């Protein structure tokens, strides 16, 4: 089945649990978020689930600002001087 681990699509066996995914992909993760909710106990995963694995004290990688995503790389002809 397909799940998303830290926003990357992964294929795992049906019936795998959230903590098994943590052990495989990021064993040092302190926090497990499943479909937007913090979980403290192991839970089975379903197709399409999203799991975020977070190590406390680490900053996430930098991302583009939302403005950079909305604005074109070069302005249209009508806006050029």
C-alpha atoms as a PDB file:
ATOM      1  CA  UNK A   1       0.000   0.000   0.000  1.00  0.00           C
ATOM      2  CA  UNK A   2       1.100   3.600  -0.489  1.00  0.00           C
ATOM      3  CA  UNK A   3       1.634   5.974   2.425  1.00  0.00           C
ATOM      4  CA  UNK A   4       3.450   9.274   2.827  1.00  0.00           C
ATOM      5  CA  UNK A   5       6.380   9.451   5.244  1.00  0.00           C
ATOM      6  CA  UNK A   6       7.547  13.022   5.865  1.00  0.00           C
ATOM      7  CA  UNK A   7       5.771  14.061   2.640  1.00  0.00           C
ATOM      8  CA  UNK A   8       7.470  11.401   0.477  1.00  0.00           C
ATOM      9  CA  UNK A   9       5.405   8.629  -1.079  1.00  0.00           C
ATOM     10  CA  UNK A  10       6.481   5.193   0.116  1.00  0.00           C
ATOM     11  CA  UNK A  11       5.198   1.688  -0.543  1.00  0.00           C
ATOM     12  CA  UNK A  12       4.833  -0.559   2.503  1.00  0.00           C
ATOM     13  CA  UNK A  13       3.199  -3.890   3.278  1.00  0.00           C
ATOM     14  CA  UNK A  14      -0.476  -3.877   4.162  1.00  0.00           C
ATOM     15  CA  UNK A  15      -1.053  -3.971   7.923  1.00  0.00           C
ATOM     16  CA  UNK A  16       2.192  -2.234   8.888  1.00  0.00           C
ATOM     17  CA  UNK A  17       2.020  -0.076  12.015  1.00  0.00           C
ATOM     18  CA  UNK A  18       3.034   3.547  12.589  1.00  0.00           C
ATOM     19  CA  UNK A  19       5.803   2.583  15.009  1.00  0.00           C
ATOM     20  CA  UNK A  20       7.173  -0.030  12.582  1.00  0.00           C
ATOM     21  CA  UNK A  21       7.426   2.712   9.955  1.00  0.00           C
ATOM     22  CA  UNK A  22       9.197   4.917  12.509  1.00  0.00           C
ATOM     23  CA  UNK A  23      11.665   2.125  13.311  1.00  0.00           C
ATOM     24  CA  UNK A  24      12.449   1.634   9.623  1.00  0.00           C
ATOM     25  CA  UNK A  25      12.571   5.220   8.314  1.00  0.00           C
ATOM     26  CA  UNK A  26      13.632   7.308  11.337  1.00  0.00           C
ATOM     27  CA  UNK A  27      14.274   5.274  14.468  1.00  0.00           C
ATOM     28  CA  UNK A  28      15.420   8.343  16.441  1.00  0.00           C
ATOM     29  CA  UNK A  29      12.112  10.195  15.944  1.00  0.00           C
ATOM     30  CA  UNK A  30      10.597  11.403  19.203  1.00  0.00           C
ATOM     31  CA  UNK A  31       7.239  12.489  17.790  1.00  0.00           C
ATOM     32  CA  UNK A  32       4.899  10.577  15.479  1.00  0.00           C
ATOM     33  CA  UNK A  33       2.100  12.464  13.738  1.00  0.00           C
ATOM     34  CA  UNK A  34      -0.488  10.355  11.890  1.00  0.00           C
ATOM     35  CA  UNK A  35      -2.838  12.200   9.545  1.00  0.00           C
ATOM     36  CA  UNK A  36      -2.323  15.430  11.474  1.00  0.00           C
ATOM     37  CA  UNK A  37      -2.735  13.953  14.963  1.00  0.00           C
ATOM     38  CA  UNK A  38      -0.056  13.211  17.546  1.00  0.00           C
ATOM     39  CA  UNK A  39      -0.145   9.536  18.512  1.00  0.00           C
ATOM     40  CA  UNK A  40       1.278   8.028  21.687  1.00  0.00           C
ATOM     41  CA  UNK A  41       0.324   4.409  21.000  1.00  0.00           C
ATOM     42  CA  UNK A  42       1.042   2.268  17.961  1.00  0.00           C
ATOM     43  CA  UNK A  43      -1.672   2.199  15.297  1.00  0.00           C
ATOM     44  CA  UNK A  44      -2.122   0.251  12.058  1.00  0.00           C
ATOM     45  CA  UNK A  45      -1.730   2.280   8.874  1.00  0.00           C
ATOM     46  CA  UNK A  46      -4.120   2.436   5.947  1.00  0.00           C
ATOM     47  CA  UNK A  47      -3.564   3.188   2.278  1.00  0.00           C
ATOM     48  CA  UNK A  48      -2.974   6.920   1.762  1.00  0.00           C
ATOM     49  CA  UNK A  49      -2.107   7.694   5.403  1.00  0.00           C
ATOM     50  CA  UNK A  50       0.372  10.477   6.092  1.00  0.00           C
ATOM     51  CA  UNK A  51       2.911  10.030   8.857  1.00  0.00           C
ATOM     52  CA  UNK A  52       5.390  12.652  10.035  1.00  0.00           C
ATOM     53  CA  UNK A  53       8.414  11.597  12.059  1.00  0.00           C
ATOM     54  CA  UNK A  54      10.064  14.346  14.072  1.00  0.00           C
ATOM     55  CA  UNK A  55      13.234  14.422  16.161  1.00  0.00           C
ATOM     56  CA  UNK A  56      12.940  16.996  18.946  1.00  0.00           C
ATOM     57  CA  UNK A  57      15.451  19.827  18.748  1.00  0.00           C
ATOM     58  CA  UNK A  58      15.986  19.621  14.982  1.00  0.00           C
ATOM     59  CA  UNK A  59      14.773  22.277  12.593  1.00  0.00           C
ATOM     60  CA  UNK A  60      12.948  21.168   9.458  1.00  0.00           C
ATOM     61  CA  UNK A  61      14.708  21.746   6.137  1.00  0.00           C
ATOM     62  CA  UNK A  62      14.126  25.185   4.611  1.00  0.00           C
ATOM     63  CA  UNK A  63      11.286  25.474   2.128  1.00  0.00           C
ATOM     64  CA  UNK A  64      10.311  28.024  -0.458  1.00  0.00           C
ATOM     65  CA  UNK A  65       8.105  30.832   0.731  1.00  0.00           C
ATOM     66  CA  UNK A  66       4.521  30.675  -0.433  1.00  0.00           C
ATOM     67  CA  UNK A  67       5.089  33.903  -2.385  1.00  0.00           C
ATOM     68  CA  UNK A  68       7.832  32.255  -4.433  1.00  0.00           C
ATOM     69  CA  UNK A  69       5.393  29.511  -5.360  1.00  0.00           C
ATOM     70  CA  UNK A  70       2.788  32.018  -6.552  1.00  0.00           C
ATOM     71  CA  UNK A  71       4.951  34.431  -8.518  1.00  0.00           C
ATOM     72  CA  UNK A  72       6.346  33.524 -11.911  1.00  0.00           C
ATOM     73  CA  UNK A  73      10.096  33.339 -12.373  1.00  0.00           C
ATOM     74  CA  UNK A  74       9.941  36.058 -15.004  1.00  0.00           C
ATOM     75  CA  UNK A  75       7.207  38.665 -15.160  1.00  0.00           C
ATOM     76  CA  UNK A  76       4.858  38.663 -18.147  1.00  0.00           C
ATOM     77  CA  UNK A  77       5.735  40.886 -21.130  1.00  0.00           C
ATOM     78  CA  UNK A  78       3.129  43.463 -20.104  1.00  0.00           C
ATOM     79  CA  UNK A  79       4.906  44.049 -16.784  1.00  0.00           C
ATOM     80  CA  UNK A  80       8.437  44.377 -18.153  1.00  0.00           C
ATOM     81  CA  UNK A  81       9.936  47.859 -18.545  1.00  0.00           C
END
